[in-house]
C-alpha cells in the first residue's frame, strides 16, 4: 500500500514495514565543506506481538525485575508494607 509517507507492506514475519524515501546530508568531520546530499531509504518496522520483541519485551521485563528487587530490598530494610 502506498501512503503519503511511504510504502507499507506486511513481511513474512507478519510485521508491517514502511519504506520512506528521504535525503541524508553528510559532511566530513573536521573539514569545512558544504554537506553532500544523498538520497536514502529508511524502513520502519512495526511489530504487533510480544514474541517479536515489542510490548512486553526485554526492557519491560528487566524494568519489572528491577522494580521488584528494589521493593524487596526496601521491605527487608524497613519492614514489609504488607503487614
Protein backbone atom coordinates (compact mmCIF):
# COMPACT_ATOMS: atom_id res chain seq x y z
CA UNK A 1 0.00 0.00 0.00
CA UNK A 2 1.32 3.46 -0.85
CA UNK A 3 0.86 6.26 1.68
CA UNK A 4 1.88 9.93 1.61
CA UNK A 5 4.73 9.00 3.96
CA UNK A 6 5.95 5.88 2.17
CA UNK A 7 5.14 2.37 1.04
CA UNK A 8 3.75 -0.16 3.52
CA UNK A 9 3.64 -3.94 3.29
CA UNK A 10 3.45 -6.94 5.60
CA UNK A 11 6.64 -9.00 5.63
CA UNK A 12 6.94 -12.79 6.00
CA UNK A 13 7.02 -12.48 9.83
CA UNK A 14 3.73 -10.57 9.88
CA UNK A 15 5.31 -7.23 10.79
CA UNK A 16 4.40 -4.06 8.92
CA UNK A 17 7.30 -2.45 7.09
CA UNK A 18 7.04 1.16 5.95
CA UNK A 19 9.71 2.26 3.49
CA UNK A 20 10.27 6.01 3.27
CA UNK A 21 12.47 7.77 0.73
CA UNK A 22 14.31 10.72 2.25
CA UNK A 23 17.51 12.74 2.00
CA UNK A 24 20.64 12.46 4.14
CA UNK A 25 23.06 15.36 4.42
CA UNK A 26 26.61 14.21 5.13
CA UNK A 27 29.71 16.19 5.97
CA UNK A 28 33.19 15.03 6.83
CA UNK A 29 34.31 15.60 10.40
CA UNK A 30 36.93 18.30 10.75
CA UNK A 31 36.53 19.54 7.18
CA UNK A 32 34.98 22.90 6.47
CA UNK A 33 32.96 21.89 3.39
CA UNK A 34 29.30 22.03 2.48
CA UNK A 35 27.40 18.83 3.33
CA UNK A 36 26.69 16.45 0.46
CA UNK A 37 23.10 15.48 -0.26
CA UNK A 38 22.36 11.76 -0.68
CA UNK A 39 19.03 10.02 -1.34
CA UNK A 40 18.37 7.21 1.15
CA UNK A 41 15.58 4.81 2.02
CA UNK A 42 14.54 4.19 5.62
CA UNK A 43 12.48 1.17 6.69
CA UNK A 44 10.31 1.45 9.82
CA UNK A 45 9.35 -1.93 11.27
CA UNK A 46 6.13 -2.22 13.30
CA UNK A 47 5.59 -5.48 15.16
CA UNK A 48 2.30 -6.39 16.80
CA UNK A 49 3.01 -9.40 19.03
CA UNK A 50 5.00 -9.89 22.24
CA UNK A 51 7.23 -12.59 20.79
CA UNK A 52 8.55 -10.14 18.20
CA UNK A 53 10.41 -8.05 20.75
CA UNK A 54 7.98 -5.21 21.39
CA UNK A 55 5.38 -4.66 24.07
CA UNK A 56 6.48 -6.86 26.97
CA UNK A 57 9.99 -7.13 25.60
CA UNK A 58 13.37 -7.38 27.24
CA UNK A 59 13.48 -3.83 28.63
CA UNK A 60 9.98 -4.07 30.08
CA UNK A 61 10.79 -7.38 31.77
CA UNK A 62 14.10 -6.01 33.07
CA UNK A 63 12.43 -2.88 34.47
CA UNK A 64 9.82 -5.06 36.20
CA UNK A 65 12.52 -7.28 37.73
CA UNK A 66 14.49 -4.24 38.97
CA UNK A 67 11.34 -2.76 40.49
CA UNK A 68 10.57 -5.99 42.34
CA UNK A 69 14.17 -6.27 43.56
CA UNK A 70 14.16 -2.70 44.90
CA UNK A 71 10.82 -3.27 46.63
CA UNK A 72 12.12 -6.48 48.23
CA UNK A 73 15.20 -4.62 49.49
CA UNK A 74 13.01 -1.84 50.95
CA UNK A 75 10.82 -4.42 52.67
CA UNK A 76 13.89 -6.12 54.10
CA UNK A 77 15.37 -2.87 55.46
CA UNK A 78 12.24 -1.05 56.64
CA UNK A 79 9.91 -3.98 57.12
CA UNK A 80 7.21 -5.25 54.86
CA UNK A 81 4.50 -2.75 53.93
CA UNK A 82 2.02 -5.65 53.64
CA UNK A 83 1.75 -6.26 57.42
